[in-house]
N, C-alpha and C. Protein backbone atom coordinates (compact mmCIF):
# COMPACT_ATOMS: atom_id res chain seq x y z
N MET A 1 -41.74 -5.58 -151.09
CA MET A 1 -40.50 -6.11 -150.54
C MET A 1 -39.44 -5.02 -150.59
N MET A 2 -38.74 -4.81 -149.49
CA MET A 2 -37.71 -3.79 -149.40
C MET A 2 -36.35 -4.48 -149.25
N THR A 3 -35.32 -3.86 -149.82
CA THR A 3 -33.97 -4.40 -149.74
C THR A 3 -33.12 -3.50 -148.85
N LEU A 4 -32.51 -4.09 -147.83
CA LEU A 4 -31.66 -3.35 -146.91
C LEU A 4 -30.30 -4.02 -146.82
N HIS A 5 -29.26 -3.22 -146.75
CA HIS A 5 -27.89 -3.71 -146.57
C HIS A 5 -27.52 -3.46 -145.12
N VAL A 6 -27.55 -4.53 -144.31
CA VAL A 6 -27.34 -4.40 -142.87
C VAL A 6 -26.22 -5.33 -142.42
N ASN A 7 -25.24 -4.76 -141.75
CA ASN A 7 -24.12 -5.52 -141.19
C ASN A 7 -23.43 -6.39 -142.24
N GLY A 8 -23.31 -5.84 -143.45
CA GLY A 8 -22.61 -6.54 -144.51
C GLY A 8 -23.42 -7.57 -145.27
N THR A 9 -24.71 -7.68 -144.97
CA THR A 9 -25.58 -8.66 -145.62
C THR A 9 -26.77 -7.95 -146.26
N ILE A 10 -27.15 -8.41 -147.45
CA ILE A 10 -28.35 -7.88 -148.12
C ILE A 10 -29.56 -8.65 -147.59
N HIS A 11 -30.57 -7.91 -147.14
CA HIS A 11 -31.80 -8.52 -146.61
C HIS A 11 -32.99 -8.06 -147.44
N GLN A 12 -33.87 -8.99 -147.77
CA GLN A 12 -35.16 -8.68 -148.37
C GLN A 12 -36.18 -8.74 -147.23
N VAL A 13 -36.85 -7.63 -146.96
CA VAL A 13 -37.81 -7.61 -145.86
C VAL A 13 -39.18 -7.15 -146.36
N GLU A 14 -40.18 -7.74 -145.79
CA GLU A 14 -41.56 -7.36 -146.06
C GLU A 14 -41.87 -6.18 -145.16
N ALA A 15 -41.90 -4.98 -145.73
CA ALA A 15 -42.13 -3.78 -144.93
C ALA A 15 -42.76 -2.70 -145.79
N GLU A 16 -43.49 -1.83 -145.16
CA GLU A 16 -44.05 -0.66 -145.84
C GLU A 16 -42.99 0.42 -145.90
N ARG A 17 -43.01 1.24 -146.92
CA ARG A 17 -42.00 2.28 -147.11
C ARG A 17 -41.90 3.24 -145.92
N HIS A 18 -43.02 3.50 -145.26
CA HIS A 18 -43.05 4.47 -144.16
C HIS A 18 -42.65 3.88 -142.80
N GLU A 19 -42.49 2.55 -142.72
CA GLU A 19 -42.13 1.94 -141.43
C GLU A 19 -40.79 2.48 -140.95
N LEU A 20 -40.68 2.65 -139.65
CA LEU A 20 -39.44 3.16 -139.09
C LEU A 20 -38.37 2.07 -139.06
N LEU A 21 -37.16 2.47 -139.38
CA LEU A 21 -36.04 1.54 -139.45
C LEU A 21 -35.84 0.79 -138.14
N VAL A 22 -35.98 1.47 -137.01
CA VAL A 22 -35.76 0.82 -135.72
C VAL A 22 -36.64 -0.42 -135.58
N TRP A 23 -37.91 -0.35 -136.01
CA TRP A 23 -38.82 -1.48 -135.86
C TRP A 23 -38.52 -2.57 -136.88
N VAL A 24 -38.10 -2.21 -138.07
CA VAL A 24 -37.75 -3.21 -139.07
C VAL A 24 -36.51 -3.98 -138.61
N LEU A 25 -35.52 -3.27 -138.08
CA LEU A 25 -34.33 -3.93 -137.58
C LEU A 25 -34.68 -4.90 -136.44
N ARG A 26 -35.49 -4.45 -135.52
CA ARG A 26 -35.82 -5.25 -134.34
C ARG A 26 -36.77 -6.39 -134.67
N GLU A 27 -37.88 -6.07 -135.29
CA GLU A 27 -38.97 -7.03 -135.45
C GLU A 27 -38.84 -7.92 -136.68
N LYS A 28 -38.25 -7.42 -137.74
CA LYS A 28 -38.18 -8.21 -138.97
C LYS A 28 -36.82 -8.86 -139.18
N LEU A 29 -35.77 -8.24 -138.63
CA LEU A 29 -34.43 -8.81 -138.78
C LEU A 29 -33.88 -9.39 -137.48
N GLY A 30 -34.59 -9.17 -136.37
CA GLY A 30 -34.17 -9.74 -135.10
C GLY A 30 -32.93 -9.09 -134.49
N LEU A 31 -32.62 -7.87 -134.90
CA LEU A 31 -31.44 -7.15 -134.40
C LEU A 31 -31.87 -6.28 -133.22
N THR A 32 -32.02 -6.89 -132.08
CA THR A 32 -32.65 -6.24 -130.93
C THR A 32 -31.72 -5.36 -130.11
N GLN A 33 -30.45 -5.26 -130.48
CA GLN A 33 -29.56 -4.33 -129.77
C GLN A 33 -29.84 -2.88 -130.19
N THR A 34 -30.50 -2.70 -131.32
CA THR A 34 -30.98 -1.36 -131.70
C THR A 34 -32.28 -1.19 -130.94
N ARG A 35 -32.32 -0.26 -130.03
CA ARG A 35 -33.47 -0.14 -129.12
C ARG A 35 -34.27 1.12 -129.38
N PHE A 36 -35.54 1.05 -129.04
CA PHE A 36 -36.40 2.24 -129.08
C PHE A 36 -36.35 2.88 -127.71
N GLY A 37 -36.03 4.16 -127.69
CA GLY A 37 -35.96 4.88 -126.42
C GLY A 37 -36.99 5.99 -126.38
N CYS A 38 -36.58 7.16 -126.81
CA CYS A 38 -37.43 8.35 -126.70
C CYS A 38 -38.34 8.57 -127.91
N GLY A 39 -37.92 8.13 -129.09
CA GLY A 39 -38.71 8.35 -130.30
C GLY A 39 -38.58 9.74 -130.89
N ILE A 40 -37.67 10.57 -130.34
CA ILE A 40 -37.49 11.93 -130.85
C ILE A 40 -36.02 12.28 -131.09
N GLU A 41 -35.21 11.27 -131.32
CA GLU A 41 -33.80 11.45 -131.67
C GLU A 41 -32.92 12.03 -130.56
N ARG A 42 -33.33 11.93 -129.32
CA ARG A 42 -32.54 12.54 -128.25
C ARG A 42 -31.69 11.56 -127.47
N CYS A 43 -32.22 10.38 -127.16
CA CYS A 43 -31.51 9.50 -126.22
C CYS A 43 -30.39 8.68 -126.86
N GLY A 44 -30.48 8.39 -128.14
CA GLY A 44 -29.44 7.64 -128.82
C GLY A 44 -29.56 6.13 -128.75
N ALA A 45 -30.57 5.61 -128.09
CA ALA A 45 -30.73 4.16 -127.97
C ALA A 45 -30.90 3.48 -129.33
N CYS A 46 -31.42 4.20 -130.29
CA CYS A 46 -31.70 3.64 -131.61
C CYS A 46 -30.60 3.92 -132.64
N THR A 47 -29.46 4.44 -132.19
CA THR A 47 -28.41 4.87 -133.10
C THR A 47 -27.81 3.70 -133.87
N VAL A 48 -27.69 3.89 -135.17
CA VAL A 48 -27.00 2.96 -136.07
C VAL A 48 -26.04 3.79 -136.90
N LEU A 49 -25.12 3.13 -137.58
CA LEU A 49 -24.29 3.82 -138.56
C LEU A 49 -24.94 3.62 -139.92
N MET A 50 -25.11 4.71 -140.64
CA MET A 50 -25.67 4.65 -141.98
C MET A 50 -24.66 5.32 -142.90
N ASP A 51 -24.08 4.52 -143.78
CA ASP A 51 -22.98 4.99 -144.63
C ASP A 51 -21.88 5.62 -143.78
N GLY A 52 -21.62 5.00 -142.61
CA GLY A 52 -20.53 5.42 -141.75
C GLY A 52 -20.82 6.56 -140.80
N ARG A 53 -22.04 7.11 -140.86
CA ARG A 53 -22.39 8.23 -139.99
C ARG A 53 -23.45 7.83 -138.98
N PRO A 54 -23.34 8.27 -137.74
CA PRO A 54 -24.37 7.94 -136.74
C PRO A 54 -25.71 8.57 -137.12
N ARG A 55 -26.74 7.75 -137.09
CA ARG A 55 -28.10 8.23 -137.37
C ARG A 55 -29.06 7.59 -136.39
N ARG A 56 -30.13 8.27 -136.07
CA ARG A 56 -31.15 7.77 -135.15
C ARG A 56 -32.23 7.04 -135.96
N SER A 57 -32.31 5.73 -135.78
CA SER A 57 -33.22 4.92 -136.59
C SER A 57 -34.69 5.09 -136.20
N CYS A 58 -34.97 5.78 -135.10
CA CYS A 58 -36.36 6.00 -134.69
C CYS A 58 -37.06 7.04 -135.56
N MET A 59 -36.30 7.76 -136.38
CA MET A 59 -36.88 8.80 -137.21
C MET A 59 -36.60 8.59 -138.70
N ILE A 60 -36.08 7.41 -139.06
CA ILE A 60 -35.73 7.12 -140.45
C ILE A 60 -36.67 6.06 -140.98
N SER A 61 -37.29 6.34 -142.10
CA SER A 61 -38.16 5.34 -142.73
C SER A 61 -37.31 4.30 -143.42
N VAL A 62 -37.88 3.12 -143.59
CA VAL A 62 -37.15 2.06 -144.26
C VAL A 62 -36.86 2.47 -145.71
N ALA A 63 -37.72 3.26 -146.31
CA ALA A 63 -37.49 3.74 -147.68
C ALA A 63 -36.24 4.61 -147.74
N GLU A 64 -36.04 5.47 -146.75
CA GLU A 64 -34.86 6.33 -146.70
C GLU A 64 -33.58 5.51 -146.49
N ALA A 65 -33.70 4.38 -145.83
CA ALA A 65 -32.54 3.54 -145.53
C ALA A 65 -32.13 2.65 -146.72
N MET A 66 -33.02 2.47 -147.67
CA MET A 66 -32.69 1.63 -148.82
C MET A 66 -31.50 2.23 -149.58
N GLY A 67 -30.58 1.36 -150.00
CA GLY A 67 -29.42 1.81 -150.74
C GLY A 67 -28.28 2.29 -149.87
N LYS A 68 -28.49 2.33 -148.56
CA LYS A 68 -27.46 2.77 -147.62
C LYS A 68 -26.85 1.54 -146.94
N LYS A 69 -25.60 1.66 -146.51
CA LYS A 69 -24.97 0.60 -145.72
C LYS A 69 -25.23 0.89 -144.26
N ILE A 70 -25.99 0.00 -143.62
CA ILE A 70 -26.40 0.16 -142.23
C ILE A 70 -25.59 -0.80 -141.37
N VAL A 71 -25.06 -0.28 -140.27
CA VAL A 71 -24.36 -1.13 -139.31
C VAL A 71 -25.01 -0.92 -137.95
N THR A 72 -25.45 -2.01 -137.36
CA THR A 72 -26.06 -1.97 -136.03
C THR A 72 -25.03 -2.33 -134.99
N ARG A 73 -25.43 -2.28 -133.75
CA ARG A 73 -24.54 -2.66 -132.65
C ARG A 73 -24.05 -4.09 -132.81
N GLU A 74 -24.93 -4.97 -133.30
CA GLU A 74 -24.51 -6.36 -133.52
C GLU A 74 -23.38 -6.45 -134.54
N GLY A 75 -23.38 -5.55 -135.50
CA GLY A 75 -22.36 -5.56 -136.54
C GLY A 75 -21.04 -4.96 -136.08
N LEU A 76 -21.04 -4.28 -134.95
CA LEU A 76 -19.84 -3.64 -134.44
C LEU A 76 -19.16 -4.42 -133.33
N ALA A 77 -19.91 -5.16 -132.56
CA ALA A 77 -19.35 -5.86 -131.42
C ALA A 77 -18.44 -6.99 -131.89
N ASP A 78 -17.38 -7.20 -131.15
CA ASP A 78 -16.50 -8.33 -131.43
C ASP A 78 -16.39 -9.19 -130.16
N ASP A 79 -15.61 -10.23 -130.22
CA ASP A 79 -15.50 -11.14 -129.08
C ASP A 79 -14.91 -10.49 -127.85
N ASN A 80 -14.24 -9.35 -128.02
CA ASN A 80 -13.60 -8.67 -126.90
C ASN A 80 -14.45 -7.52 -126.36
N GLY A 81 -15.69 -7.42 -126.76
CA GLY A 81 -16.55 -6.34 -126.28
C GLY A 81 -16.77 -5.30 -127.35
N LEU A 82 -16.71 -4.03 -126.96
CA LEU A 82 -16.99 -2.94 -127.88
C LEU A 82 -15.84 -2.76 -128.87
N SER A 83 -16.19 -2.70 -130.15
CA SER A 83 -15.17 -2.42 -131.16
C SER A 83 -14.81 -0.94 -131.11
N GLU A 84 -13.76 -0.58 -131.80
CA GLU A 84 -13.33 0.82 -131.84
C GLU A 84 -14.43 1.71 -132.41
N GLU A 85 -15.13 1.22 -133.45
CA GLU A 85 -16.21 2.00 -134.07
C GLU A 85 -17.34 2.25 -133.08
N LEU A 86 -17.69 1.23 -132.29
CA LEU A 86 -18.76 1.39 -131.32
C LEU A 86 -18.34 2.32 -130.19
N GLN A 87 -17.09 2.28 -129.80
CA GLN A 87 -16.61 3.23 -128.80
C GLN A 87 -16.72 4.65 -129.32
N ASP A 88 -16.38 4.86 -130.61
CA ASP A 88 -16.53 6.18 -131.22
C ASP A 88 -17.99 6.60 -131.25
N LEU A 89 -18.88 5.66 -131.57
CA LEU A 89 -20.31 5.94 -131.61
C LEU A 89 -20.81 6.31 -130.22
N SER A 90 -20.30 5.63 -129.20
CA SER A 90 -20.69 5.94 -127.82
C SER A 90 -20.32 7.37 -127.47
N LYS A 91 -19.17 7.82 -127.93
CA LYS A 91 -18.76 9.20 -127.67
C LYS A 91 -19.71 10.17 -128.35
N ASP A 92 -20.19 9.83 -129.56
CA ASP A 92 -21.08 10.71 -130.30
C ASP A 92 -22.40 10.91 -129.58
N VAL A 93 -22.96 9.84 -129.00
CA VAL A 93 -24.26 9.96 -128.35
C VAL A 93 -24.14 10.31 -126.88
N GLY A 94 -22.92 10.30 -126.34
CA GLY A 94 -22.70 10.71 -124.96
C GLY A 94 -22.84 9.59 -123.95
N HIS A 95 -23.17 8.41 -124.40
CA HIS A 95 -23.27 7.24 -123.53
C HIS A 95 -23.33 6.02 -124.44
N GLU A 96 -23.23 4.85 -123.87
CA GLU A 96 -23.28 3.64 -124.68
C GLU A 96 -24.65 3.50 -125.31
N PRO A 97 -24.73 3.34 -126.65
CA PRO A 97 -26.03 3.18 -127.29
C PRO A 97 -26.79 2.01 -126.67
N GLY A 98 -28.09 2.21 -126.47
CA GLY A 98 -28.92 1.19 -125.88
C GLY A 98 -29.04 1.31 -124.38
N THR A 99 -28.34 2.28 -123.79
CA THR A 99 -28.47 2.52 -122.36
C THR A 99 -28.94 3.95 -122.16
N SER A 100 -29.53 4.22 -121.05
CA SER A 100 -30.03 5.56 -120.77
C SER A 100 -28.90 6.45 -120.24
N PRO A 101 -28.87 7.70 -120.68
CA PRO A 101 -27.88 8.61 -120.12
C PRO A 101 -28.21 8.90 -118.65
N GLN A 102 -27.21 9.22 -117.88
CA GLN A 102 -27.42 9.56 -116.47
C GLN A 102 -28.12 10.91 -116.39
N ARG A 103 -29.10 10.97 -115.52
CA ARG A 103 -29.77 12.26 -115.30
C ARG A 103 -29.01 13.05 -114.27
N ARG A 104 -28.97 14.34 -114.45
CA ARG A 104 -28.26 15.21 -113.51
C ARG A 104 -29.21 16.08 -112.76
C-alpha cells in the first residue's frame, strides 16, 4: 500500500513502487485530466505540480512521489476555468496541459 498526498487529500493506493505516477493518478485515483502523451517528458500532457514545481508524471515512480504534495489539473481548476496556478503551469509547458502543442 502506498500513501500519496494529492490535491490536498491523503490517499492509500494499492500500487507497486515502480508504477508510474501518471497511471496511478488516472487508473487508481480516477484523476483523468492528467494525461499520457509522449512518455518521454516532452509534450507536457502528464504535468502535475509536485511540491509546487511542474513535473512530468510519465517519468516519476509512485515511490518517488510519496511524501510529496501533488496537485493535478483537477486540483487547480475552479468554477471560472483555469486558476492562476494552472495558467502559470501552461506557460511552463508552452501550451495547456493535456492538449497537444501546435506543430510548426
